Amino acid sequence: MTEVMILVVEDEAAISTLIQFTLEQAGFVVQCVPSVEAAQPLLQARLADVLLLDWMLPGLSGLDFIRQLRNDIRSRDLPIILLTARGEETDKEQGLNLGADDYITKPFSPRELIARINALLRRRAPQKTSVPLRIYGLELDPQQQRVQVNGQTIPFGPSEFKLLHFFMTHPDRIYTRSQLLDLVWGDHVFVEERTVDVHIRRLRRGLETVGHDHLIQTVRGSGYRFSP
């Protein structure tokens, strides 16, 4: 599975420790902080793949932080799960209306937490999951890091594999170089946009060996698209 970085903002040390252990056992990369103020510089340095955010925090509350994140173009699509002991329907509605993607009431089981995170990733960032894909004659296995056509394996480097994984989970849509850099490499990686062109060429060369290079299309003046 592609590395998934989860930022946990939780001020109760026992809960934070349990969450970190649970998620690391499931294969996630985890950072835990006790406040919004501690989380902000981490998100500035690298946008997490998922944010687990406690509602009641010292200083700025979780709800106020969601407002900030959704008003920032860089973090407006950040997947957020709200953690809270408040189980009333009106509380849940308030959190979701402000922009949380999901809501988990304490206490929760480790299995439920992992299931919710995986469900959110499938919905919002399918290229970060380990679900095998089959589309347009290509078969991609994220766990084995393998791409095949009719049983023939196509060797790809890590960057080309990640790029193809992203395209296969987002077919028929046009992405600019800048968008591909942020969505595939991460907004914390600072490389020139032309680097995308290099990896696109390598990806096409690999697909050309099985007659599928036409799937990666250049849309003049816009970017790239994965489509038959």
Protein backbone atom coordinates (compact mmCIF):
# COMPACT_ATOMS: atom_id res chain seq x y z
CA MET A 1 0.00 0.00 0.00
CA THR A 2 1.16 3.53 -0.74
CA GLU A 3 2.37 5.30 2.38
CA VAL A 4 -0.54 7.03 4.13
CA MET A 5 0.30 9.74 6.66
CA ILE A 6 -2.29 10.41 9.35
CA LEU A 7 -2.14 13.41 11.67
CA VAL A 8 -3.92 12.91 15.01
CA VAL A 9 -4.87 15.97 17.06
CA GLU A 10 -5.94 14.64 20.46
CA ASP A 11 -5.11 16.11 23.88
CA GLU A 12 -5.87 13.00 25.96
CA ALA A 13 -2.54 11.16 26.09
CA ALA A 14 -4.03 7.69 26.69
CA ILE A 15 -6.37 7.98 23.70
CA SER A 16 -3.63 9.44 21.51
CA THR A 17 -1.26 6.58 22.38
CA LEU A 18 -3.95 3.97 21.65
CA ILE A 19 -4.78 5.56 18.30
CA GLN A 20 -1.12 5.75 17.30
CA PHE A 21 -0.49 2.11 18.19
CA THR A 22 -3.64 0.96 16.39
CA LEU A 23 -2.92 2.86 13.20
CA GLU A 24 0.77 1.97 13.05
CA GLN A 25 -0.15 -1.71 13.44
CA ALA A 26 -2.44 -1.24 10.43
CA GLY A 27 0.47 0.12 8.37
CA PHE A 28 -0.19 3.85 8.55
CA VAL A 29 2.42 6.51 9.27
CA VAL A 30 1.17 8.48 12.29
CA GLN A 31 1.95 11.82 13.92
CA CYS A 32 0.19 12.79 17.16
CA VAL A 33 -0.06 16.28 18.66
CA PRO A 34 -2.15 17.61 21.58
CA SER A 35 -3.45 20.86 20.06
CA VAL A 36 -4.37 22.74 16.90
CA GLU A 37 -1.46 25.09 17.53
CA ALA A 38 0.94 22.12 17.40
CA ALA A 39 -0.76 20.71 14.29
CA GLN A 40 -0.63 23.87 12.18
CA PRO A 41 3.13 23.92 11.43
CA LEU A 42 3.06 20.19 10.63
CA LEU A 43 0.31 20.70 8.07
CA GLN A 44 2.17 23.66 6.63
CA ALA A 45 5.26 21.49 6.14
CA ARG A 46 3.33 18.52 4.77
CA LEU A 47 -0.37 18.09 4.22
CA ALA A 48 -1.47 14.83 5.84
CA ASP A 49 -3.50 12.26 3.92
CA VAL A 50 -6.08 12.09 6.74
CA LEU A 51 -6.65 14.30 9.77
CA LEU A 52 -8.15 12.78 12.94
CA LEU A 53 -9.32 15.77 14.93
CA ASP A 54 -10.71 15.90 18.46
CA TRP A 55 -13.66 18.26 18.92
CA MET A 56 -12.75 19.61 22.37
CA LEU A 57 -9.15 20.82 22.46
CA PRO A 58 -7.19 23.35 24.52
CA GLY A 59 -6.92 26.65 22.68
CA LEU A 60 -8.56 26.55 19.26
CA SER A 61 -11.34 23.95 19.07
CA GLY A 62 -11.57 21.22 16.48
CA LEU A 63 -14.60 22.87 14.86
CA ASP A 64 -12.83 26.20 14.55
CA PHE A 65 -9.86 24.44 12.98
CA ILE A 66 -12.11 22.76 10.43
CA ARG A 67 -13.41 26.20 9.46
CA GLN A 68 -9.84 27.42 8.93
CA LEU A 69 -8.86 24.38 6.88
CA ARG A 70 -11.91 24.51 4.63
CA ASN A 71 -11.33 28.21 3.93
CA ASP A 72 -7.75 27.53 2.77
CA ILE A 73 -7.45 26.38 -0.85
CA ARG A 74 -4.51 24.13 0.08
CA SER A 75 -6.41 22.17 2.73
CA ARG A 76 -10.02 22.49 1.66
CA ASP A 77 -10.07 18.90 0.37
CA LEU A 78 -8.12 17.40 3.28
CA PRO A 79 -10.00 14.28 4.52
CA ILE A 80 -11.07 14.95 8.13
CA ILE A 81 -12.58 12.61 10.72
CA LEU A 82 -13.91 14.31 13.84
CA LEU A 83 -13.39 12.52 17.18
CA THR A 84 -15.70 13.44 20.03
CA ALA A 85 -17.54 12.25 23.11
CA ARG A 86 -20.57 14.26 22.00
CA GLY A 87 -22.97 11.77 20.48
CA GLU A 88 -26.07 13.89 19.94
CA GLU A 89 -27.42 13.98 16.39
CA THR A 90 -27.29 17.79 16.36
CA ASP A 91 -23.58 17.70 17.28
CA LYS A 92 -22.87 15.25 14.49
CA GLU A 93 -24.81 17.41 12.04
CA GLN A 94 -22.89 20.51 13.10
CA GLY A 95 -19.51 18.84 12.56
CA LEU A 96 -20.45 17.47 9.15
CA ASN A 97 -21.97 20.76 8.04
CA LEU A 98 -18.74 22.57 8.86
CA GLY A 99 -16.78 20.25 6.59
CA ALA A 100 -15.82 17.09 8.49
CA ASP A 101 -16.01 14.01 6.23
CA ASP A 102 -16.87 11.60 9.02
CA TYR A 103 -17.57 11.54 12.72
CA ILE A 104 -16.61 8.94 15.35
CA THR A 105 -18.04 8.99 18.87
CA LYS A 106 -15.80 8.02 21.79
CA PRO A 107 -15.28 5.37 22.91
CA PHE A 108 -14.73 3.58 19.60
CA SER A 109 -13.14 0.27 18.72
CA PRO A 110 -9.79 0.11 16.87
CA ARG A 111 -11.45 -1.92 14.12
CA GLU A 112 -14.10 0.73 13.60
CA LEU A 113 -11.47 3.48 13.40
CA ILE A 114 -9.45 1.63 10.77
CA ALA A 115 -12.60 0.79 8.80
CA ARG A 116 -13.69 4.44 8.80
CA ILE A 117 -10.25 5.62 7.65
CA ASN A 118 -10.12 3.05 4.84
CA ALA A 119 -13.66 3.93 3.74
CA LEU A 120 -12.74 7.61 3.65
CA LEU A 121 -9.59 6.91 1.63
CA ARG A 122 -11.55 4.82 -0.87
CA ARG A 123 -13.93 7.73 -1.28
CA ARG A 124 -11.50 10.64 -1.27
CA ALA A 125 -8.04 9.25 -2.13
CA PRO A 126 -8.41 5.81 -3.77
CA GLN A 127 -4.79 5.97 -4.99
CA LYS A 128 -3.76 5.61 -1.33
CA THR A 129 -5.55 2.30 -0.84
CA SER A 130 -4.45 -1.29 -1.48
CA VAL A 131 -7.52 -2.20 -3.55
CA PRO A 132 -6.52 -4.05 -6.79
CA LEU A 133 -7.61 -2.30 -9.97
CA ARG A 134 -8.61 -3.48 -13.42
CA ILE A 135 -9.43 -0.88 -16.06
CA TYR A 136 -8.90 -0.51 -19.81
CA GLY A 137 -7.08 -3.86 -19.93
CA LEU A 138 -4.58 -2.97 -17.20
CA GLU A 139 -4.39 -4.82 -13.89
CA LEU A 140 -2.66 -3.07 -10.98
CA ASP A 141 -1.95 -4.63 -7.59
CA PRO A 142 -0.88 -1.97 -5.05
CA GLN A 143 0.30 -4.50 -2.45
CA GLN A 144 2.52 -6.36 -4.91
CA GLN A 145 3.49 -3.12 -6.72
CA ARG A 146 2.72 -4.96 -9.95
CA VAL A 147 1.11 -3.98 -13.26
CA GLN A 148 0.04 -6.62 -15.78
CA VAL A 149 -1.67 -6.92 -19.16
CA ASN A 150 -2.88 -10.40 -20.11
CA GLY A 151 -0.49 -11.91 -17.58
CA GLN A 152 2.52 -9.94 -18.84
CA THR A 153 4.16 -7.84 -16.11
CA ILE A 154 5.27 -4.32 -16.97
CA PRO A 155 8.25 -3.16 -14.89
CA PHE A 156 7.81 0.36 -13.51
CA GLY A 157 9.83 2.47 -11.11
CA PRO A 158 8.13 3.70 -7.90
CA SER A 159 7.21 7.11 -9.33
CA GLU A 160 5.73 5.69 -12.52
CA PHE A 161 3.78 3.13 -10.49
CA LYS A 162 2.33 5.84 -8.23
CA LEU A 163 1.47 7.97 -11.26
CA LEU A 164 -0.30 5.09 -13.01
CA HIS A 165 -2.11 4.16 -9.78
CA PHE A 166 -3.41 7.71 -9.54
CA PHE A 167 -4.52 7.78 -13.19
CA MET A 168 -6.30 4.42 -12.89
CA THR A 169 -8.27 5.65 -9.86
CA HIS A 170 -9.11 8.96 -11.59
CA PRO A 171 -9.83 8.05 -15.24
CA ASP A 172 -11.17 10.41 -17.90
CA ARG A 173 -10.21 13.58 -16.00
CA ILE A 174 -7.62 16.17 -17.01
CA TYR A 175 -4.90 17.06 -14.49
CA THR A 176 -2.33 19.82 -14.78
CA ARG A 177 1.32 19.16 -13.98
CA SER A 178 0.92 21.12 -10.75
CA GLN A 179 -2.07 19.03 -9.68
CA LEU A 180 -0.25 15.78 -10.43
CA LEU A 181 2.75 16.91 -8.39
CA ASP A 182 0.55 17.67 -5.38
CA LEU A 183 -1.74 14.66 -5.69
CA VAL A 184 0.85 12.01 -6.60
CA TRP A 185 4.10 13.22 -5.04
CA GLY A 186 2.59 15.35 -2.26
CA ASP A 187 2.58 19.08 -1.73
CA HIS A 188 5.66 18.78 0.53
CA VAL A 189 7.85 17.66 -2.39
CA PHE A 190 9.41 20.57 -4.24
CA VAL A 191 10.34 19.63 -7.79
CA GLU A 192 9.86 21.35 -11.12
CA GLU A 193 6.63 20.75 -13.00
CA ARG A 194 8.60 19.47 -15.99
CA THR A 195 9.56 16.49 -13.82
CA VAL A 196 6.03 15.23 -14.46
CA ASP A 197 6.77 15.14 -18.20
CA VAL A 198 9.79 12.90 -17.59
CA HIS A 199 7.73 10.38 -15.63
CA ILE A 200 4.90 10.55 -18.16
CA ARG A 201 7.40 9.60 -20.91
CA ARG A 202 8.70 6.68 -18.83
CA LEU A 203 5.15 5.57 -18.09
CA ARG A 204 4.25 5.65 -21.78
CA ARG A 205 7.37 3.68 -22.71
CA GLY A 206 6.37 0.95 -20.28
CA LEU A 207 2.79 0.86 -21.54
CA GLU A 208 4.03 0.86 -25.14
CA THR A 209 5.49 -2.63 -24.62
CA VAL A 210 1.93 -3.96 -24.31
CA GLY A 211 0.31 -1.55 -26.77
CA HIS A 212 -1.39 0.60 -24.12
CA ASP A 213 0.60 3.83 -24.36
CA HIS A 214 -2.42 5.54 -25.97
CA LEU A 215 -4.12 5.55 -22.56
CA ILE A 216 -1.92 8.43 -21.38
CA GLN A 217 -3.11 11.42 -23.37
CA THR A 218 -1.63 14.91 -23.56
CA VAL A 219 -4.32 17.59 -23.58
CA ARG A 220 -2.67 20.60 -25.15
CA GLY A 221 -2.61 23.63 -22.89
CA SER A 222 -4.22 21.71 -20.00
CA GLY A 223 -2.28 18.66 -18.87
CA TYR A 224 -2.73 14.91 -18.98
CA ARG A 225 -5.61 12.45 -19.01
CA PHE A 226 -5.93 8.66 -18.61
CA SER A 227 -8.59 7.52 -21.07
CA PRO A 228 -9.13 5.08 -23.96
